[in-house]
Protein backbone atom coordinates (compact mmCIF):
# COMPACT_ATOMS: atom_id res chain seq x y z
CA UNK A 1 13.95 10.90 -6.18
CA UNK A 2 17.69 9.87 -6.63
CA UNK A 3 18.82 6.87 -8.35
CA UNK A 4 20.66 5.99 -5.35
CA UNK A 5 17.30 5.38 -3.20
CA UNK A 6 15.94 2.80 -5.63
CA UNK A 7 18.02 -0.36 -4.41
CA UNK A 8 16.87 0.62 -0.73
CA UNK A 9 13.32 0.93 -1.83
CA UNK A 10 13.25 -2.18 -3.75
CA UNK A 11 15.03 -4.23 -0.97
CA UNK A 12 12.37 -2.84 1.80
CA UNK A 13 9.28 -3.55 -0.35
CA UNK A 14 10.90 -6.66 -1.60
CA UNK A 15 11.39 -8.08 2.12
CA UNK A 16 8.07 -6.80 3.12
CA UNK A 17 6.46 -8.64 0.21
CA UNK A 18 7.92 -11.83 1.30
CA UNK A 19 6.78 -11.24 4.88
CA UNK A 20 3.18 -10.65 3.31
CA UNK A 21 3.31 -13.93 1.28
CA UNK A 22 5.11 -16.02 3.70
CA UNK A 23 3.51 -15.36 6.98
CA UNK A 24 0.61 -12.75 6.98
CA UNK A 25 -1.24 -14.49 4.08
CA UNK A 26 -1.26 -17.64 6.34
CA UNK A 27 -2.87 -16.11 9.26
CA UNK A 28 -6.71 -16.77 9.29
CA UNK A 29 -8.12 -13.19 10.40
CA UNK A 30 -11.65 -13.21 12.05
CA UNK A 31 -13.34 -10.79 9.44
CA UNK A 32 -11.82 -10.54 6.07
CA UNK A 33 -8.00 -10.15 5.95
CA UNK A 34 -5.12 -7.83 6.05
CA UNK A 35 -2.55 -6.46 3.62
CA UNK A 36 0.43 -5.22 5.41
CA UNK A 37 2.15 -4.60 2.35
CA UNK A 38 -0.84 -2.23 1.03
CA UNK A 39 -0.88 -0.59 4.39
CA UNK A 40 2.78 0.01 4.64
CA UNK A 41 2.66 1.17 1.06
CA UNK A 42 0.21 3.98 2.04
CA UNK A 43 1.99 5.08 4.98
CA UNK A 44 5.20 5.27 2.84
CA UNK A 45 3.66 7.34 0.40
CA UNK A 46 2.53 9.73 2.74
CA UNK A 47 5.95 10.54 3.62
CA UNK A 48 7.19 10.92 0.06
CA UNK A 49 7.51 14.09 -2.13
CA UNK A 50 5.12 14.41 -5.01
CA UNK A 51 7.66 13.56 -7.77
CA UNK A 52 8.95 10.34 -6.07
CA UNK A 53 5.82 9.06 -4.86
CA UNK A 54 4.76 7.71 -8.31
CA UNK A 55 7.87 6.09 -9.03
CA UNK A 56 7.59 4.31 -5.56
CA UNK A 57 3.93 3.27 -6.52
CA UNK A 58 5.20 1.76 -9.57
CA UNK A 59 7.99 -0.05 -7.78
CA UNK A 60 5.85 -1.29 -5.12
CA UNK A 61 3.06 -2.42 -7.57
CA UNK A 62 5.60 -4.25 -9.45
CA UNK A 63 6.52 -6.20 -6.71
CA UNK A 64 3.08 -6.90 -5.85
CA UNK A 65 2.14 -8.19 -9.29
CA UNK A 66 5.09 -10.99 -8.83
CA UNK A 67 2.80 -12.81 -6.18
CA UNK A 68 2.48 -16.37 -7.25
CA UNK A 69 -1.02 -16.38 -5.96
CA UNK A 70 -2.41 -13.59 -7.86
CA UNK A 71 -4.88 -14.45 -10.52
CA UNK A 72 -5.19 -10.89 -11.99
CA UNK A 73 -3.47 -9.72 -15.15
CA UNK A 74 0.04 -8.94 -14.74
CA UNK A 75 0.39 -5.13 -14.12
CA UNK A 76 -2.95 -4.42 -12.59
CA UNK A 77 -1.19 -3.79 -9.11
CA UNK A 78 1.50 -1.64 -10.88
CA UNK A 79 -1.45 0.54 -12.26
CA UNK A 80 -3.50 0.61 -8.83
CA UNK A 81 -0.50 1.51 -6.85
CA UNK A 82 0.73 4.31 -9.13
CA UNK A 83 -2.63 5.82 -9.34
CA UNK A 84 -3.15 5.54 -5.41
CA UNK A 85 0.30 6.87 -4.95
CA UNK A 86 -0.57 9.99 -7.52
CA UNK A 87 -3.83 10.56 -5.66
CA UNK A 88 -2.22 10.73 -2.14
CA UNK A 89 0.68 12.64 -3.08
CA UNK A 90 -0.99 15.45 -4.94
CA UNK A 91 -4.33 15.43 -3.23
CA UNK A 92 -4.44 14.07 0.09
CA UNK A 93 -1.00 15.08 1.36
CA UNK A 94 -1.47 18.36 0.25
CA UNK A 95 -4.46 18.89 2.33
CA UNK A 96 -2.86 17.44 5.53
CA UNK A 97 -0.52 19.22 7.94
CA UNK A 98 3.20 18.66 7.21
CA UNK A 99 3.32 16.99 10.89
CA UNK A 100 1.10 14.03 10.48
CA UNK A 101 -0.46 12.79 13.91
CA UNK A 102 -0.81 8.83 14.23
CA UNK A 103 -4.62 9.14 14.21
CA UNK A 104 -4.30 11.05 10.72
CA UNK A 105 -2.05 8.38 9.36
CA UNK A 106 -4.31 5.50 10.47
CA UNK A 107 -7.24 7.25 8.84
CA UNK A 108 -5.53 8.11 5.63
CA UNK A 109 -4.07 4.36 5.49
CA UNK A 110 -7.33 2.80 5.93
CA UNK A 111 -9.17 5.13 3.28
CA UNK A 112 -5.99 4.59 1.05
CA UNK A 113 -6.02 0.79 1.32
CA UNK A 114 -10.14 0.90 0.79
CA UNK A 115 -9.71 2.93 -2.39
CA UNK A 116 -6.86 0.77 -3.76
CA UNK A 117 -8.85 -2.52 -3.06
CA UNK A 118 -11.76 -0.97 -4.66
CA UNK A 119 -9.92 0.22 -7.69
CA UNK A 120 -8.11 -3.34 -8.06
CA UNK A 121 -11.71 -4.92 -7.95
CA UNK A 122 -13.24 -2.76 -10.38
CA UNK A 123 -10.14 -2.88 -12.77
CA UNK A 124 -10.07 -6.60 -12.55
CA UNK A 125 -13.67 -6.92 -13.32
CA UNK A 126 -13.24 -4.67 -16.32
CA UNK A 127 -10.50 -6.85 -17.48
CA UNK A 128 -12.60 -10.12 -17.28
CA UNK A 129 -11.35 -11.37 -13.71
CA UNK A 130 -14.00 -13.14 -11.79
CA UNK A 131 -15.36 -11.18 -8.78
CA UNK A 132 -16.94 -12.67 -5.89
CA UNK A 133 -20.26 -12.16 -4.33
CA UNK A 134 -21.41 -8.86 -2.96
CA UNK A 135 -21.52 -10.10 0.86
CA UNK A 136 -17.99 -11.70 0.32
CA UNK A 137 -16.46 -8.40 -1.14
CA UNK A 138 -18.05 -6.26 1.60
CA UNK A 139 -16.59 -8.47 4.40
CA UNK A 140 -13.31 -8.36 2.90
CA UNK A 141 -13.25 -4.58 2.34
CA UNK A 142 -14.53 -4.05 5.86
CA UNK A 143 -12.14 -6.67 7.50
CA UNK A 144 -9.08 -4.92 5.61
CA UNK A 145 -10.13 -1.60 6.72
CA UNK A 146 -10.87 -2.75 10.47
CA UNK A 147 -7.22 -4.69 10.55
CA UNK A 148 -5.56 -1.65 8.85
CA UNK A 149 -6.69 0.62 11.52
CA UNK A 150 -6.34 -1.60 14.44
CA UNK A 151 -2.76 -2.63 13.53
CA UNK A 152 -1.50 0.68 12.41
CA UNK A 153 0.17 1.61 15.87
CA UNK A 154 2.63 -1.49 14.75
CA UNK A 155 3.47 -0.95 11.17
CA UNK A 156 3.16 3.05 10.73
CA UNK A 157 6.19 3.87 13.07
CA UNK A 158 8.38 1.07 11.30
CA UNK A 159 7.35 2.48 7.75
CA UNK A 160 8.26 6.00 8.86
CA UNK A 161 11.82 4.89 10.11
CA UNK A 162 12.48 2.69 7.28
CA UNK A 163 11.39 5.50 4.72
CA UNK A 164 14.03 7.86 6.60
CA UNK A 165 16.60 5.15 6.18
CA UNK A 166 16.26 5.17 2.65
CA UNK A 167 16.70 8.93 2.18
CA UNK A 168 19.87 10.55 1.08
CA UNK A 169 21.60 13.04 3.24
CA UNK A 170 20.42 15.63 1.13
CA UNK A 171 16.76 14.66 1.33
CA UNK A 172 16.89 14.45 5.38
C-alpha cells in the first residue's frame, strides 16, 4: 500500500463510521442489529492485497475505537479488525477465485462479521468487559448475520467501487 492511499482510506472509513454512528445505530432492527461499518470493512478487505489488508484493518479498527458509545477497552477493535483482515487476506482470499461472485462476497462477509463479533466478545470478556446473557448474545449474532446477508446487495457494490477509487493508477 502506498502512502498516497492512506488519506482516501481514512476519509472513506471515517465517513462510513459517521454514517454508522449517526444513522444506522439509531435504527431499531427486528432481530439483533446491523453493523454496516463491519460489513463494509470485510468487503473492502476481500479486494485488498495481502500486504495492505492488515494496514487497512488497523486503520478501520482505530476509527471504530473512537466510538463514543463503546464501553470496551481502547484498541480492542483495532486488534479485532487487524486479526480479521489478516485471516481474510491470507486464508480466505487465497482460497477463493480472483473474480468474486456476489454470493461469495455475501457469504464471506457474513462469516467474517460473525468471526469478528465473536472475537470482540471473547477478547472483551477476557479483558473484563461485562457480557450479556447467552440468549441476548445469540440473538445479536444471528441478527447481525441475517442483516449482513440481506443487505449485502446494497453495500457490497458501493464498497467495491470506493475501494477502486482509492487505488493508485499503478494498482488498478
